[in-house]
């Protein structure tokens, strides 16, 4: 018993000494990036005083909107943005393929055709992942009134991550897919 007490006292005193140390602190990592989701047009919300983007526009306008409707609308607008970026990336690859055909550049034609095929395959697999992930998130609340909100918030977050991935992967070399 005395050994345990001694060890405990040593541990406490070393923790106290470490807490009192006033030397230079180790550099802290930057805070995690906050996901900002574009705000949808919400009926009844004061659009003139609201900034263009909120971390959670539905919560910011909680007194004037229905959460079910707000998150469903926000999910639709986020999905529309992703679909626009996806279509624009496809159009860009198709233009590159047409240009490679005109120049008879088989290497570029092969490269762009493969990239287009891979983009479509990745989007197909991502869609399956998104649906499974968000269904699993909502499953824990099966039958509850909050389930649609949880599923829509999941869909919004996962889709926003995909939007970031699309921009990072396909907005290169001065190309914009906006």
C-alpha atoms as a PDB file:
ATOM      1  CA  UNK A   1       0.000   0.000   0.000  1.00  0.00           C
ATOM      2  CA  UNK A   2       2.766   2.550   0.793  1.00  0.00           C
ATOM      3  CA  UNK A   3       4.291   1.987  -2.681  1.00  0.00           C
ATOM      4  CA  UNK A   4       1.004   2.818  -4.361  1.00  0.00           C
ATOM      5  CA  UNK A   5       0.636   5.943  -2.241  1.00  0.00           C
ATOM      6  CA  UNK A   6       4.211   6.990  -3.017  1.00  0.00           C
ATOM      7  CA  UNK A   7       3.704   6.405  -6.732  1.00  0.00           C
ATOM      8  CA  UNK A   8       0.461   8.374  -6.642  1.00  0.00           C
ATOM      9  CA  UNK A   9       2.114  11.305  -4.865  1.00  0.00           C
ATOM     10  CA  UNK A  10       5.011  11.312  -7.323  1.00  0.00           C
ATOM     11  CA  UNK A  11       2.572  11.276 -10.237  1.00  0.00           C
ATOM     12  CA  UNK A  12       0.568  14.154  -8.764  1.00  0.00           C
ATOM     13  CA  UNK A  13       3.634  16.227  -7.967  1.00  0.00           C
ATOM     14  CA  UNK A  14       5.113  15.734 -11.446  1.00  0.00           C
ATOM     15  CA  UNK A  15       1.780  16.691 -12.988  1.00  0.00           C
ATOM     16  CA  UNK A  16       1.656  19.788 -10.795  1.00  0.00           C
ATOM     17  CA  UNK A  17       5.222  20.701 -11.711  1.00  0.00           C
ATOM     18  CA  UNK A  18       4.444  20.262 -15.403  1.00  0.00           C
ATOM     19  CA  UNK A  19       1.362  22.454 -15.055  1.00  0.00           C
ATOM     20  CA  UNK A  20       3.416  25.206 -13.414  1.00  0.00           C
ATOM     21  CA  UNK A  21       6.114  25.150 -16.117  1.00  0.00           C
ATOM     22  CA  UNK A  22       6.068  28.524 -17.855  1.00  0.00           C
ATOM     23  CA  UNK A  23       8.585  27.871 -20.616  1.00  0.00           C
ATOM     24  CA  UNK A  24       7.800  28.027 -24.320  1.00  0.00           C
ATOM     25  CA  UNK A  25       4.860  25.944 -25.417  1.00  0.00           C
ATOM     26  CA  UNK A  26       4.970  23.482 -28.257  1.00  0.00           C
ATOM     27  CA  UNK A  27       3.310  24.752 -31.427  1.00  0.00           C
ATOM     28  CA  UNK A  28      -0.340  23.865 -31.573  1.00  0.00           C
ATOM     29  CA  UNK A  29      -1.848  22.349 -34.713  1.00  0.00           C
ATOM     30  CA  UNK A  30      -4.309  24.587 -36.536  1.00  0.00           C
ATOM     31  CA  UNK A  31      -7.957  24.109 -35.572  1.00  0.00           C
ATOM     32  CA  UNK A  32      -9.902  21.690 -37.765  1.00  0.00           C
ATOM     33  CA  UNK A  33     -11.439  23.186 -40.890  1.00  0.00           C
ATOM     34  CA  UNK A  34     -15.078  24.058 -40.362  1.00  0.00           C
ATOM     35  CA  UNK A  35     -17.352  22.898 -43.128  1.00  0.00           C
ATOM     36  CA  UNK A  36     -19.410  25.798 -44.408  1.00  0.00           C
ATOM     37  CA  UNK A  37     -22.518  24.787 -46.283  1.00  0.00           C
ATOM     38  CA  UNK A  38     -24.121  27.296 -48.654  1.00  0.00           C
ATOM     39  CA  UNK A  39     -27.418  28.564 -47.304  1.00  0.00           C
ATOM     40  CA  UNK A  40     -30.508  27.651 -49.303  1.00  0.00           C
ATOM     41  CA  UNK A  41     -33.253  30.136 -50.058  1.00  0.00           C
ATOM     42  CA  UNK A  42     -35.459  29.621 -47.020  1.00  0.00           C
ATOM     43  CA  UNK A  43     -38.948  31.134 -47.113  1.00  0.00           C
ATOM     44  CA  UNK A  44     -39.512  33.385 -44.124  1.00  0.00           C
ATOM     45  CA  UNK A  45     -35.804  33.806 -43.353  1.00  0.00           C
ATOM     46  CA  UNK A  46     -34.381  37.309 -43.339  1.00  0.00           C
ATOM     47  CA  UNK A  47     -32.158  37.008 -46.415  1.00  0.00           C
ATOM     48  CA  UNK A  48     -30.843  40.581 -46.258  1.00  0.00           C
ATOM     49  CA  UNK A  49     -29.172  40.310 -42.862  1.00  0.00           C
ATOM     50  CA  UNK A  50     -27.993  36.714 -43.300  1.00  0.00           C
ATOM     51  CA  UNK A  51     -24.498  36.103 -44.676  1.00  0.00           C
ATOM     52  CA  UNK A  52     -24.154  34.015 -47.831  1.00  0.00           C
ATOM     53  CA  UNK A  53     -22.984  30.903 -45.957  1.00  0.00           C
ATOM     54  CA  UNK A  54     -23.558  29.446 -42.512  1.00  0.00           C
ATOM     55  CA  UNK A  55     -22.136  26.409 -40.799  1.00  0.00           C
ATOM     56  CA  UNK A  56     -25.753  25.343 -40.245  1.00  0.00           C
ATOM     57  CA  UNK A  57     -28.272  27.726 -41.803  1.00  0.00           C
ATOM     58  CA  UNK A  58     -31.220  25.702 -40.540  1.00  0.00           C
ATOM     59  CA  UNK A  59     -30.118  26.083 -36.922  1.00  0.00           C
ATOM     60  CA  UNK A  60     -29.345  29.766 -37.517  1.00  0.00           C
ATOM     61  CA  UNK A  61     -32.933  30.339 -38.667  1.00  0.00           C
ATOM     62  CA  UNK A  62     -34.557  27.935 -36.207  1.00  0.00           C
ATOM     63  CA  UNK A  63     -37.252  30.375 -35.169  1.00  0.00           C
ATOM     64  CA  UNK A  64     -38.510  30.884 -38.725  1.00  0.00           C
ATOM     65  CA  UNK A  65     -38.119  27.494 -40.431  1.00  0.00           C
ATOM     66  CA  UNK A  66     -39.167  23.890 -40.050  1.00  0.00           C
ATOM     67  CA  UNK A  67     -36.075  21.720 -39.546  1.00  0.00           C
ATOM     68  CA  UNK A  68     -37.521  18.908 -41.682  1.00  0.00           C
ATOM     69  CA  UNK A  69     -38.171  21.259 -44.590  1.00  0.00           C
ATOM     70  CA  UNK A  70     -34.998  23.282 -44.151  1.00  0.00           C
ATOM     71  CA  UNK A  71     -32.641  20.295 -44.148  1.00  0.00           C
ATOM     72  CA  UNK A  72     -34.514  18.696 -47.058  1.00  0.00           C
ATOM     73  CA  UNK A  73     -34.179  21.957 -49.037  1.00  0.00           C
ATOM     74  CA  UNK A  74     -30.523  22.319 -48.088  1.00  0.00           C
ATOM     75  CA  UNK A  75     -29.888  18.703 -49.124  1.00  0.00           C
ATOM     76  CA  UNK A  76     -31.500  19.389 -52.514  1.00  0.00           C
ATOM     77  CA  UNK A  77     -29.453  22.555 -53.117  1.00  0.00           C
ATOM     78  CA  UNK A  78     -26.205  20.854 -52.065  1.00  0.00           C
ATOM     79  CA  UNK A  79     -26.980  17.897 -54.316  1.00  0.00           C
ATOM     80  CA  UNK A  80     -27.757  20.263 -57.214  1.00  0.00           C
ATOM     81  CA  UNK A  81     -24.373  21.943 -56.748  1.00  0.00           C
ATOM     82  CA  UNK A  82     -22.594  18.591 -56.799  1.00  0.00           C
ATOM     83  CA  UNK A  83     -24.523  17.515 -59.913  1.00  0.00           C
ATOM     84  CA  UNK A  84     -23.549  20.758 -61.652  1.00  0.00           C
ATOM     85  CA  UNK A  85     -19.868  20.267 -60.816  1.00  0.00           C
ATOM     86  CA  UNK A  86     -20.026  16.631 -61.917  1.00  0.00           C
ATOM     87  CA  UNK A  87     -21.683  17.493 -65.239  1.00  0.00           C
ATOM     88  CA  UNK A  88     -19.176  20.293 -65.829  1.00  0.00           C
ATOM     89  CA  UNK A  89     -16.253  17.938 -65.176  1.00  0.00           C
ATOM     90  CA  UNK A  90     -17.715  15.463 -67.673  1.00  0.00           C
ATOM     91  CA  UNK A  91     -18.191  18.230 -70.254  1.00  0.00           C
ATOM     92  CA  UNK A  92     -14.571  19.330 -69.734  1.00  0.00           C
ATOM     93  CA  UNK A  93     -13.270  15.788 -70.302  1.00  0.00           C
ATOM     94  CA  UNK A  94     -15.513  15.351 -73.342  1.00  0.00           C
ATOM     95  CA  UNK A  95     -14.123  18.611 -74.793  1.00  0.00           C
ATOM     96  CA  UNK A  96     -10.583  17.364 -74.145  1.00  0.00           C
ATOM     97  CA  UNK A  97     -11.445  14.071 -75.863  1.00  0.00           C
ATOM     98  CA  UNK A  98     -12.889  15.911 -78.880  1.00  0.00           C
ATOM     99  CA  UNK A  99      -9.760  18.054 -79.057  1.00  0.00           C
ATOM    100  CA  UNK A 100      -7.532  14.971 -78.863  1.00  0.00           C
ATOM    101  CA  UNK A 101      -9.542  13.408 -81.716  1.00  0.00           C
ATOM    102  CA  UNK A 102      -9.035  16.520 -83.869  1.00  0.00           C
ATOM    103  CA  UNK A 103      -5.297  16.442 -83.225  1.00  0.00           C
ATOM    104  CA  UNK A 104      -5.121  12.638 -83.578  1.00  0.00           C
ATOM    105  CA  UNK A 105      -3.324  12.553 -80.234  1.00  0.00           C
ATOM    106  CA  UNK A 106      -3.818   8.924 -79.189  1.00  0.00           C
ATOM    107  CA  UNK A 107      -1.937   9.381 -75.914  1.00  0.00           C
ATOM    108  CA  UNK A 108      -4.122  12.301 -74.820  1.00  0.00           C
ATOM    109  CA  UNK A 109      -7.232  10.526 -76.097  1.00  0.00           C
ATOM    110  CA  UNK A 110      -6.420   7.474 -74.003  1.00  0.00           C
ATOM    111  CA  UNK A 111      -5.604   9.602 -70.948  1.00  0.00           C
ATOM    112  CA  UNK A 112      -8.801  11.659 -71.107  1.00  0.00           C
ATOM    113  CA  UNK A 113     -11.019   8.663 -71.910  1.00  0.00           C
ATOM    114  CA  UNK A 114      -9.629   6.802 -68.904  1.00  0.00           C
ATOM    115  CA  UNK A 115     -10.052   9.864 -66.684  1.00  0.00           C
ATOM    116  CA  UNK A 116     -13.672  10.243 -67.807  1.00  0.00           C
ATOM    117  CA  UNK A 117     -14.390   6.555 -67.201  1.00  0.00           C
ATOM    118  CA  UNK A 118     -12.769   6.759 -63.748  1.00  0.00           C
ATOM    119  CA  UNK A 119     -14.724   9.892 -62.829  1.00  0.00           C
ATOM    120  CA  UNK A 120     -18.010   8.184 -63.702  1.00  0.00           C
ATOM    121  CA  UNK A 121     -17.045   5.014 -61.814  1.00  0.00           C
ATOM    122  CA  UNK A 122     -15.933   7.028 -58.771  1.00  0.00           C
ATOM    123  CA  UNK A 123     -19.175   8.997 -58.738  1.00  0.00           C
ATOM    124  CA  UNK A 124     -21.197   5.796 -58.971  1.00  0.00           C
ATOM    125  CA  UNK A 125     -19.306   4.239 -56.047  1.00  0.00           C
ATOM    126  CA  UNK A 126     -19.472   7.468 -54.034  1.00  0.00           C
ATOM    127  CA  UNK A 127     -23.255   7.577 -54.490  1.00  0.00           C
ATOM    128  CA  UNK A 128     -23.522   4.052 -53.088  1.00  0.00           C
ATOM    129  CA  UNK A 129     -21.259   5.008 -50.158  1.00  0.00           C
ATOM    130  CA  UNK A 130     -23.284   8.161 -49.442  1.00  0.00           C
ATOM    131  CA  UNK A 131     -26.567   6.293 -49.417  1.00  0.00           C
ATOM    132  CA  UNK A 132     -25.259   3.501 -47.157  1.00  0.00           C
ATOM    133  CA  UNK A 133     -23.504   5.908 -44.795  1.00  0.00           C
ATOM    134  CA  UNK A 134     -26.542   8.113 -44.297  1.00  0.00           C
ATOM    135  CA  UNK A 135     -28.969   5.222 -44.066  1.00  0.00           C
ATOM    136  CA  UNK A 136     -26.766   3.829 -41.278  1.00  0.00           C
ATOM    137  CA  UNK A 137     -26.748   7.223 -39.550  1.00  0.00           C
ATOM    138  CA  UNK A 138     -30.544   7.354 -39.653  1.00  0.00           C
ATOM    139  CA  UNK A 139     -31.003   3.708 -38.702  1.00  0.00           C
ATOM    140  CA  UNK A 140     -30.227   4.411 -35.066  1.00  0.00           C
ATOM    141  CA  UNK A 141     -33.325   6.624 -34.962  1.00  0.00           C
ATOM    142  CA  UNK A 142     -35.650   4.312 -36.909  1.00  0.00           C
ATOM    143  CA  UNK A 143     -39.225   5.494 -36.577  1.00  0.00           C
ATOM    144  CA  UNK A 144     -38.298   8.673 -34.713  1.00  0.00           C
ATOM    145  CA  UNK A 145     -39.370  12.102 -35.889  1.00  0.00           C
ATOM    146  CA  UNK A 146     -35.742  13.276 -35.978  1.00  0.00           C
ATOM    147  CA  UNK A 147     -34.651  10.495 -38.366  1.00  0.00           C
ATOM    148  CA  UNK A 148     -35.245  12.511 -41.588  1.00  0.00           C
ATOM    149  CA  UNK A 149     -33.266  15.417 -40.150  1.00  0.00           C
ATOM    150  CA  UNK A 150     -30.331  13.170 -39.235  1.00  0.00           C
ATOM    151  CA  UNK A 151     -30.357  11.552 -42.679  1.00  0.00           C
ATOM    152  CA  UNK A 152     -30.543  14.901 -44.483  1.00  0.00           C
ATOM    153  CA  UNK A 153     -27.773  16.405 -42.350  1.00  0.00           C
ATOM    154  CA  UNK A 154     -25.634  13.368 -43.162  1.00  0.00           C
ATOM    155  CA  UNK A 155     -26.392  13.709 -46.883  1.00  0.00           C
ATOM    156  CA  UNK A 156     -25.495  17.410 -46.761  1.00  0.00           C
ATOM    157  CA  UNK A 157     -22.181  16.815 -44.991  1.00  0.00           C
ATOM    158  CA  UNK A 158     -21.100  13.860 -47.144  1.00  0.00           C
ATOM    159  CA  UNK A 159     -22.118  15.703 -50.322  1.00  0.00           C
ATOM    160  CA  UNK A 160     -20.226  18.797 -49.240  1.00  0.00           C
ATOM    161  CA  UNK A 161     -17.108  16.667 -48.762  1.00  0.00           C
ATOM    162  CA  UNK A 162     -17.583  15.262 -52.272  1.00  0.00           C
ATOM    163  CA  UNK A 163     -17.917  18.796 -53.653  1.00  0.00           C
ATOM    164  CA  UNK A 164     -14.558  19.655 -52.049  1.00  0.00           C
ATOM    165  CA  UNK A 165     -13.044  16.476 -53.531  1.00  0.00           C
ATOM    166  CA  UNK A 166     -14.385  17.288 -57.010  1.00  0.00           C
ATOM    167  CA  UNK A 167     -12.989  20.799 -56.898  1.00  0.00           C
ATOM    168  CA  UNK A 168      -9.594  19.624 -55.647  1.00  0.00           C
ATOM    169  CA  UNK A 169      -9.329  16.878 -58.261  1.00  0.00           C
ATOM    170  CA  UNK A 170     -10.729  18.605 -61.346  1.00  0.00           C
ATOM    171  CA  UNK A 171     -10.091  22.322 -60.908  1.00  0.00           C
ATOM    172  CA  UNK A 172      -6.446  22.048 -61.898  1.00  0.00           C
ATOM    173  CA  UNK A 173      -4.346  23.845 -64.461  1.00  0.00           C
ATOM    174  CA  UNK A 174      -6.677  26.832 -64.489  1.00  0.00           C
ATOM    175  CA  UNK A 175      -9.754  24.716 -65.225  1.00  0.00           C
ATOM    176  CA  UNK A 176     -12.954  25.616 -63.427  1.00  0.00           C
ATOM    177  CA  UNK A 177     -15.875  23.221 -63.081  1.00  0.00           C
ATOM    178  CA  UNK A 178     -18.172  25.828 -61.538  1.00  0.00           C
END
